[in-house]
Amino acid sequence: MNIFISHSREFEYRTELYEPIKKSDLFSLHTFIFPHENNSFRSTKDEIRTCDVVIAEVSFPSTGVGIELGWANSFGKPTICLHKKDSHPSSSLKAVSAEFIMYDNASDMVKKLSEALANSNI
């Protein structure tokens, strides 16, 4: 499964999102698209159009993440929104995603994400 990862630039995505996923079994089971992995230009709209699912870390407000989730919704792509326990994601995200995962730390995030992907009909 090809999974596009969306997140705010304000989020410590390299250490709190990318690295935990790369160190997990998820990384060997799926192909992850990390949009800020390198500095080369990538069309995130095209990446989302061709992926199987979009996972968005929504602990921090982000216009870019909202746009990417809107594209995913318009393309009929399933989405999963992740957020830290102490954050308050925008309620408007419920219009574009039915699945929300609240987590305590990186290992809890990976565990819950693994369960969600294993139990989904994606």
N, C-alpha and C. Protein backbone atom coordinates (compact mmCIF):
# COMPACT_ATOMS: atom_id res chain seq x y z
N MET A 1 0.84 -1.17 0.00
CA MET A 1 0.00 0.00 0.00
C MET A 1 0.89 1.24 0.00
N ASN A 2 0.54 2.23 -0.83
CA ASN A 2 1.26 3.50 -0.88
C ASN A 2 0.57 4.49 0.04
N ILE A 3 1.32 5.04 0.98
CA ILE A 3 0.77 5.92 2.00
C ILE A 3 1.46 7.27 1.94
N PHE A 4 0.67 8.31 1.73
CA PHE A 4 1.19 9.68 1.73
C PHE A 4 1.06 10.23 3.14
N ILE A 5 2.14 10.84 3.65
CA ILE A 5 2.16 11.42 4.99
C ILE A 5 2.09 12.95 4.87
N SER A 6 1.09 13.52 5.54
CA SER A 6 0.90 14.97 5.55
C SER A 6 1.10 15.49 6.97
N HIS A 7 1.66 16.70 7.09
CA HIS A 7 1.91 17.26 8.42
C HIS A 7 2.24 18.74 8.31
N SER A 8 2.11 19.41 9.41
CA SER A 8 2.49 20.82 9.50
C SER A 8 4.01 20.94 9.56
N ARG A 9 4.52 22.03 9.06
CA ARG A 9 5.96 22.30 9.19
C ARG A 9 6.32 22.63 10.64
N GLU A 10 5.32 23.02 11.43
CA GLU A 10 5.54 23.35 12.84
C GLU A 10 5.77 22.10 13.69
N PHE A 11 5.35 20.97 13.20
CA PHE A 11 5.48 19.70 13.90
C PHE A 11 6.89 19.15 13.71
N GLU A 12 7.43 18.54 14.75
CA GLU A 12 8.77 17.92 14.65
C GLU A 12 8.66 16.61 13.88
N TYR A 13 8.34 16.73 12.60
CA TYR A 13 7.98 15.56 11.80
C TYR A 13 9.12 14.57 11.60
N ARG A 14 10.34 15.04 11.51
CA ARG A 14 11.45 14.10 11.29
C ARG A 14 11.62 13.14 12.47
N THR A 15 11.61 13.68 13.69
CA THR A 15 11.85 12.84 14.87
C THR A 15 10.58 12.22 15.45
N GLU A 16 9.45 12.90 15.29
CA GLU A 16 8.22 12.42 15.92
C GLU A 16 7.28 11.67 14.97
N LEU A 17 7.57 11.69 13.68
CA LEU A 17 6.70 11.02 12.71
C LEU A 17 7.49 10.12 11.77
N TYR A 18 8.43 10.71 11.01
CA TYR A 18 9.17 9.93 10.03
C TYR A 18 10.00 8.81 10.68
N GLU A 19 10.83 9.17 11.66
CA GLU A 19 11.71 8.16 12.27
C GLU A 19 10.95 7.03 12.95
N PRO A 20 9.92 7.31 13.76
CA PRO A 20 9.17 6.20 14.37
C PRO A 20 8.54 5.26 13.33
N ILE A 21 8.04 5.82 12.24
CA ILE A 21 7.47 4.97 11.19
C ILE A 21 8.57 4.14 10.54
N LYS A 22 9.70 4.77 10.23
CA LYS A 22 10.80 4.05 9.58
C LYS A 22 11.36 2.93 10.44
N LYS A 23 11.29 3.08 11.76
CA LYS A 23 11.80 2.06 12.67
C LYS A 23 10.77 0.99 12.99
N SER A 24 9.57 1.12 12.47
CA SER A 24 8.50 0.17 12.78
C SER A 24 8.33 -0.87 11.68
N ASP A 25 7.53 -1.89 11.97
CA ASP A 25 7.20 -2.90 10.96
C ASP A 25 6.39 -2.31 9.82
N LEU A 26 5.70 -1.22 10.08
CA LEU A 26 4.92 -0.56 9.02
C LEU A 26 5.77 -0.24 7.81
N PHE A 27 7.00 0.17 8.06
CA PHE A 27 7.88 0.62 6.99
C PHE A 27 8.24 -0.51 6.03
N SER A 28 8.27 -1.73 6.52
CA SER A 28 8.56 -2.87 5.64
C SER A 28 7.29 -3.39 4.96
N LEU A 29 6.13 -3.04 5.49
CA LEU A 29 4.87 -3.53 4.94
C LEU A 29 4.28 -2.60 3.87
N HIS A 30 4.63 -1.32 3.92
CA HIS A 30 4.01 -0.33 3.05
C HIS A 30 5.08 0.58 2.45
N THR A 31 4.68 1.30 1.41
CA THR A 31 5.54 2.31 0.81
C THR A 31 5.05 3.67 1.30
N PHE A 32 5.91 4.39 1.99
CA PHE A 32 5.56 5.69 2.55
C PHE A 32 6.12 6.81 1.70
N ILE A 33 5.32 7.82 1.50
CA ILE A 33 5.74 9.02 0.80
C ILE A 33 5.87 10.11 1.85
N PHE A 34 7.11 10.47 2.16
CA PHE A 34 7.42 11.52 3.13
C PHE A 34 7.74 12.79 2.33
N PRO A 35 6.81 13.74 2.24
CA PRO A 35 7.00 14.88 1.34
C PRO A 35 8.17 15.79 1.66
N HIS A 36 8.65 15.79 2.88
CA HIS A 36 9.77 16.67 3.24
C HIS A 36 11.06 15.87 3.48
N GLU A 37 11.13 14.71 2.87
CA GLU A 37 12.29 13.84 3.03
C GLU A 37 13.54 14.44 2.40
N ASN A 38 13.37 15.09 1.27
CA ASN A 38 14.52 15.73 0.64
C ASN A 38 14.06 17.06 0.06
N ASN A 39 14.93 17.80 -0.51
CA ASN A 39 14.60 19.14 -0.98
C ASN A 39 14.13 19.21 -2.42
N SER A 40 13.97 18.06 -3.08
CA SER A 40 13.53 18.10 -4.47
C SER A 40 12.03 18.41 -4.55
N PHE A 41 11.64 19.07 -5.62
CA PHE A 41 10.24 19.42 -5.81
C PHE A 41 9.42 18.18 -6.13
N ARG A 42 8.30 18.06 -5.45
CA ARG A 42 7.36 16.98 -5.73
C ARG A 42 5.97 17.58 -5.77
N SER A 43 5.17 17.12 -6.67
CA SER A 43 3.79 17.57 -6.73
C SER A 43 2.99 16.74 -5.74
N THR A 44 2.68 17.33 -4.59
CA THR A 44 1.93 16.57 -3.58
C THR A 44 0.54 16.22 -4.10
N LYS A 45 -0.02 17.05 -4.93
CA LYS A 45 -1.33 16.75 -5.50
C LYS A 45 -1.27 15.46 -6.33
N ASP A 46 -0.24 15.31 -7.15
CA ASP A 46 -0.07 14.10 -7.94
C ASP A 46 0.24 12.89 -7.06
N GLU A 47 1.05 13.10 -6.02
CA GLU A 47 1.36 12.01 -5.09
C GLU A 47 0.08 11.51 -4.41
N ILE A 48 -0.77 12.44 -3.98
CA ILE A 48 -2.02 12.08 -3.32
C ILE A 48 -2.96 11.39 -4.30
N ARG A 49 -3.00 11.86 -5.53
CA ARG A 49 -3.86 11.26 -6.55
C ARG A 49 -3.53 9.78 -6.77
N THR A 50 -2.25 9.42 -6.65
CA THR A 50 -1.83 8.05 -6.95
C THR A 50 -1.63 7.16 -5.72
N CYS A 51 -1.74 7.72 -4.51
CA CYS A 51 -1.53 6.90 -3.31
C CYS A 51 -2.80 6.13 -2.96
N ASP A 52 -2.69 5.23 -2.00
CA ASP A 52 -3.83 4.44 -1.54
C ASP A 52 -4.52 5.06 -0.34
N VAL A 53 -3.76 5.75 0.50
CA VAL A 53 -4.30 6.35 1.71
C VAL A 53 -3.44 7.55 2.10
N VAL A 54 -4.06 8.53 2.76
CA VAL A 54 -3.34 9.69 3.27
C VAL A 54 -3.43 9.66 4.79
N ILE A 55 -2.27 9.77 5.41
CA ILE A 55 -2.20 9.89 6.87
C ILE A 55 -1.73 11.30 7.17
N ALA A 56 -2.53 12.02 7.96
CA ALA A 56 -2.20 13.41 8.28
C ALA A 56 -2.01 13.58 9.77
N GLU A 57 -0.87 14.15 10.17
CA GLU A 57 -0.64 14.51 11.57
C GLU A 57 -1.21 15.91 11.72
N VAL A 58 -2.26 16.05 12.55
CA VAL A 58 -3.02 17.30 12.60
C VAL A 58 -2.97 17.97 13.97
N SER A 59 -1.93 17.74 14.73
CA SER A 59 -1.80 18.35 16.05
C SER A 59 -1.64 19.86 15.98
N PHE A 60 -1.09 20.36 14.87
CA PHE A 60 -0.88 21.79 14.67
C PHE A 60 -1.71 22.25 13.47
N PRO A 61 -2.38 23.38 13.57
CA PRO A 61 -3.14 23.89 12.43
C PRO A 61 -2.21 24.13 11.24
N SER A 62 -2.70 23.80 10.06
CA SER A 62 -1.88 23.96 8.87
C SER A 62 -2.78 24.07 7.64
N THR A 63 -2.66 25.18 6.95
CA THR A 63 -3.43 25.36 5.71
C THR A 63 -3.03 24.30 4.69
N GLY A 64 -1.72 24.01 4.61
CA GLY A 64 -1.24 23.01 3.65
C GLY A 64 -1.82 21.64 3.89
N VAL A 65 -1.89 21.22 5.14
CA VAL A 65 -2.48 19.92 5.46
C VAL A 65 -3.96 19.93 5.08
N GLY A 66 -4.64 21.02 5.35
CA GLY A 66 -6.06 21.12 4.98
C GLY A 66 -6.26 20.99 3.48
N ILE A 67 -5.39 21.62 2.72
CA ILE A 67 -5.47 21.52 1.26
C ILE A 67 -5.22 20.08 0.83
N GLU A 68 -4.19 19.44 1.39
CA GLU A 68 -3.88 18.06 1.01
C GLU A 68 -5.02 17.12 1.38
N LEU A 69 -5.65 17.33 2.54
CA LEU A 69 -6.80 16.50 2.91
C LEU A 69 -7.99 16.76 1.99
N GLY A 70 -8.15 18.00 1.55
CA GLY A 70 -9.19 18.33 0.58
C GLY A 70 -8.97 17.61 -0.74
N TRP A 71 -7.71 17.60 -1.21
CA TRP A 71 -7.40 16.85 -2.43
C TRP A 71 -7.71 15.37 -2.25
N ALA A 72 -7.26 14.81 -1.13
CA ALA A 72 -7.51 13.39 -0.86
C ALA A 72 -9.02 13.10 -0.89
N ASN A 73 -9.78 13.96 -0.27
CA ASN A 73 -11.23 13.79 -0.24
C ASN A 73 -11.81 13.86 -1.65
N SER A 74 -11.35 14.82 -2.45
CA SER A 74 -11.88 14.97 -3.81
C SER A 74 -11.49 13.79 -4.70
N PHE A 75 -10.36 13.14 -4.40
CA PHE A 75 -9.93 11.97 -5.16
C PHE A 75 -10.51 10.67 -4.60
N GLY A 76 -11.28 10.76 -3.52
CA GLY A 76 -11.88 9.57 -2.91
C GLY A 76 -10.88 8.71 -2.15
N LYS A 77 -9.80 9.32 -1.69
CA LYS A 77 -8.77 8.58 -0.95
C LYS A 77 -9.14 8.51 0.53
N PRO A 78 -9.01 7.35 1.14
CA PRO A 78 -9.24 7.27 2.59
C PRO A 78 -8.17 8.05 3.33
N THR A 79 -8.56 8.64 4.45
CA THR A 79 -7.62 9.42 5.25
C THR A 79 -7.69 9.00 6.72
N ILE A 80 -6.57 9.12 7.37
CA ILE A 80 -6.47 8.91 8.81
C ILE A 80 -5.78 10.13 9.38
N CYS A 81 -6.42 10.76 10.38
CA CYS A 81 -5.82 11.91 11.04
C CYS A 81 -5.25 11.50 12.39
N LEU A 82 -3.99 11.81 12.60
CA LEU A 82 -3.31 11.54 13.87
C LEU A 82 -3.18 12.84 14.64
N HIS A 83 -3.31 12.78 15.96
CA HIS A 83 -3.04 13.97 16.75
C HIS A 83 -2.63 13.59 18.16
N LYS A 84 -1.77 14.43 18.73
CA LYS A 84 -1.30 14.23 20.09
C LYS A 84 -2.46 14.40 21.07
N LYS A 85 -2.36 13.69 22.17
CA LYS A 85 -3.42 13.69 23.19
C LYS A 85 -3.77 15.10 23.67
N ASP A 86 -2.79 15.95 23.84
CA ASP A 86 -3.03 17.29 24.38
C ASP A 86 -3.35 18.35 23.32
N SER A 87 -3.54 17.94 22.07
CA SER A 87 -3.85 18.90 21.01
C SER A 87 -5.35 18.96 20.75
N HIS A 88 -5.75 19.96 20.00
CA HIS A 88 -7.16 20.16 19.70
C HIS A 88 -7.32 20.40 18.20
N PRO A 89 -7.37 19.32 17.41
CA PRO A 89 -7.49 19.48 15.96
C PRO A 89 -8.78 20.21 15.58
N SER A 90 -8.75 20.85 14.46
CA SER A 90 -9.91 21.57 13.96
C SER A 90 -11.08 20.62 13.74
N SER A 91 -12.26 21.02 14.18
CA SER A 91 -13.45 20.18 13.99
C SER A 91 -13.84 20.10 12.51
N SER A 92 -13.37 21.04 11.70
CA SER A 92 -13.69 21.00 10.27
C SER A 92 -13.05 19.80 9.56
N LEU A 93 -12.04 19.19 10.18
CA LEU A 93 -11.40 18.02 9.58
C LEU A 93 -12.36 16.84 9.48
N LYS A 94 -13.39 16.84 10.30
CA LYS A 94 -14.38 15.75 10.26
C LYS A 94 -15.11 15.70 8.93
N ALA A 95 -15.08 16.80 8.19
CA ALA A 95 -15.72 16.83 6.87
C ALA A 95 -14.93 16.05 5.82
N VAL A 96 -13.63 15.82 6.08
CA VAL A 96 -12.79 15.15 5.09
C VAL A 96 -12.15 13.86 5.60
N SER A 97 -12.37 13.53 6.86
CA SER A 97 -11.79 12.30 7.40
C SER A 97 -12.72 11.71 8.45
N ALA A 98 -12.91 10.41 8.38
CA ALA A 98 -13.77 9.73 9.36
C ALA A 98 -12.95 9.08 10.47
N GLU A 99 -11.65 8.96 10.26
CA GLU A 99 -10.82 8.25 11.24
C GLU A 99 -9.81 9.18 11.89
N PHE A 100 -9.90 9.26 13.23
CA PHE A 100 -8.99 10.08 14.03
C PHE A 100 -8.33 9.19 15.07
N ILE A 101 -7.03 9.33 15.20
CA ILE A 101 -6.27 8.56 16.18
C ILE A 101 -5.56 9.54 17.11
N MET A 102 -5.91 9.47 18.38
CA MET A 102 -5.24 10.27 19.40
C MET A 102 -4.15 9.40 20.03
N TYR A 103 -2.95 9.98 20.20
CA TYR A 103 -1.85 9.19 20.74
C TYR A 103 -1.08 9.96 21.81
N ASP A 104 -0.37 9.20 22.66
CA ASP A 104 0.42 9.78 23.76
C ASP A 104 1.86 10.11 23.36
N ASN A 105 2.47 9.21 22.59
CA ASN A 105 3.88 9.35 22.21
C ASN A 105 4.11 8.60 20.90
N ALA A 106 5.33 8.61 20.42
CA ALA A 106 5.63 8.00 19.12
C ALA A 106 5.32 6.51 19.07
N SER A 107 5.66 5.77 20.11
CA SER A 107 5.39 4.33 20.08
C SER A 107 3.89 4.05 20.13
N ASP A 108 3.15 4.85 20.88
CA ASP A 108 1.70 4.71 20.92
C ASP A 108 1.10 5.05 19.55
N MET A 109 1.63 6.06 18.89
CA MET A 109 1.17 6.44 17.56
C MET A 109 1.37 5.30 16.57
N VAL A 110 2.56 4.71 16.57
CA VAL A 110 2.86 3.61 15.64
C VAL A 110 1.95 2.42 15.93
N LYS A 111 1.75 2.09 17.19
CA LYS A 111 0.90 0.96 17.56
C LYS A 111 -0.53 1.17 17.07
N LYS A 112 -1.09 2.34 17.34
CA LYS A 112 -2.47 2.63 16.95
C LYS A 112 -2.61 2.74 15.43
N LEU A 113 -1.61 3.29 14.77
CA LEU A 113 -1.65 3.38 13.33
C LEU A 113 -1.57 1.99 12.70
N SER A 114 -0.72 1.12 13.24
CA SER A 114 -0.62 -0.25 12.76
C SER A 114 -1.96 -0.97 12.87
N GLU A 115 -2.61 -0.80 14.01
CA GLU A 115 -3.92 -1.42 14.22
C GLU A 115 -4.95 -0.88 13.24
N ALA A 116 -4.96 0.42 13.04
CA ALA A 116 -5.91 1.03 12.14
C ALA A 116 -5.72 0.53 10.69
N LEU A 117 -4.49 0.46 10.25
CA LEU A 117 -4.22 -0.01 8.89
C LEU A 117 -4.54 -1.48 8.75
N ALA A 118 -4.28 -2.27 9.76
CA ALA A 118 -4.57 -3.71 9.71
C ALA A 118 -6.07 -3.98 9.70
N ASN A 119 -6.84 -3.13 10.37
CA ASN A 119 -8.27 -3.34 10.50
C ASN A 119 -9.11 -2.60 9.47
N SER A 120 -8.47 -1.85 8.59
CA SER A 120 -9.22 -1.05 7.62
C SER A 120 -9.51 -1.86 6.36
N ASN A 121 -10.41 -1.36 5.58
CA ASN A 121 -10.75 -1.96 4.30
C ASN A 121 -10.14 -1.18 3.15
N ILE A 122 -8.95 -0.70 3.36
CA ILE A 122 -8.27 0.12 2.35
C ILE A 122 -7.65 -0.79 1.32
